[in-house]
Protein backbone atom coordinates (compact mmCIF):
# COMPACT_ATOMS: atom_id res chain seq x y z
CA UNK A 1 22.05 46.61 -11.49
CA UNK A 2 20.65 45.12 -14.68
CA UNK A 3 19.15 47.11 -17.45
CA UNK A 4 18.07 46.58 -20.98
CA UNK A 5 19.47 48.84 -23.63
CA UNK A 6 18.31 49.51 -27.17
CA UNK A 7 17.64 45.90 -28.06
CA UNK A 8 15.96 43.15 -26.07
CA UNK A 9 18.89 40.76 -26.59
CA UNK A 10 21.54 43.05 -25.03
CA UNK A 11 21.87 43.09 -21.25
CA UNK A 12 24.34 45.13 -19.19
CA UNK A 13 25.23 44.29 -15.59
CA UNK A 14 27.55 46.29 -13.37
CA UNK A 15 30.36 44.14 -11.95
CA UNK A 16 32.18 46.91 -10.06
CA UNK A 17 33.07 50.58 -10.53
CA UNK A 18 35.40 49.76 -13.43
CA UNK A 19 33.82 46.71 -15.10
CA UNK A 20 30.53 45.60 -16.55
CA UNK A 21 29.20 42.40 -18.06
CA UNK A 22 27.41 42.34 -21.40
CA UNK A 23 25.17 39.42 -22.29
CA UNK A 24 24.28 39.30 -25.96
CA UNK A 25 23.20 36.79 -28.58
CA UNK A 26 25.71 36.65 -31.43
CA UNK A 27 26.36 34.72 -34.60
CA UNK A 28 29.57 32.83 -33.86
CA UNK A 29 31.81 33.15 -36.90
CA UNK A 30 35.39 34.00 -37.86
CA UNK A 31 34.27 37.65 -38.01
CA UNK A 32 32.96 37.44 -34.43
CA UNK A 33 36.30 36.10 -33.18
CA UNK A 34 38.16 38.80 -35.15
CA UNK A 35 35.98 41.48 -33.54
CA UNK A 36 36.66 40.08 -30.05
CA UNK A 37 40.39 39.81 -30.80
CA UNK A 38 40.39 43.42 -31.99
CA UNK A 39 39.20 44.53 -28.56
CA UNK A 40 42.38 43.05 -27.10
CA UNK A 41 42.61 42.63 -23.35
CA UNK A 42 39.41 44.61 -22.77
CA UNK A 43 36.95 41.77 -23.37
CA UNK A 44 36.62 38.13 -22.34
CA UNK A 45 34.27 35.49 -23.70
CA UNK A 46 32.93 33.67 -20.62
CA UNK A 47 30.17 31.48 -22.08
CA UNK A 48 29.12 29.20 -23.59
CA UNK A 49 32.02 26.82 -23.00
CA UNK A 50 32.20 25.66 -26.61
CA UNK A 51 32.68 29.25 -27.83
CA UNK A 52 35.36 29.87 -25.17
CA UNK A 53 37.13 26.73 -26.44
CA UNK A 54 36.82 27.84 -30.07
CA UNK A 55 38.43 31.19 -29.19
CA UNK A 56 41.26 29.47 -27.29
CA UNK A 57 41.87 27.07 -30.19
CA UNK A 58 41.94 29.91 -32.72
CA UNK A 59 44.38 31.93 -30.57
CA UNK A 60 46.69 28.92 -30.25
CA UNK A 61 46.71 28.39 -34.02
CA UNK A 62 47.49 32.04 -34.68
CA UNK A 63 50.16 32.09 -31.96
CA UNK A 64 51.95 29.11 -33.54
CA UNK A 65 52.40 31.10 -36.75
CA UNK A 66 54.73 33.42 -34.85
CA UNK A 67 56.97 30.79 -33.20
């Protein structure tokens, strides 16, 4: 199932009965990463690879502050 909602750049796809995938164009920024982090374990960045890496790098830096 794929459907377009409200805006042409947002796509929802059902993964299973409990999960869905959202494909959206975003402005990658510190605020974007903060928003994703705020959603906790309920969201995963899966692409593009460079944004996944940026998120991992940022999480490592923050984690080190609490060692």
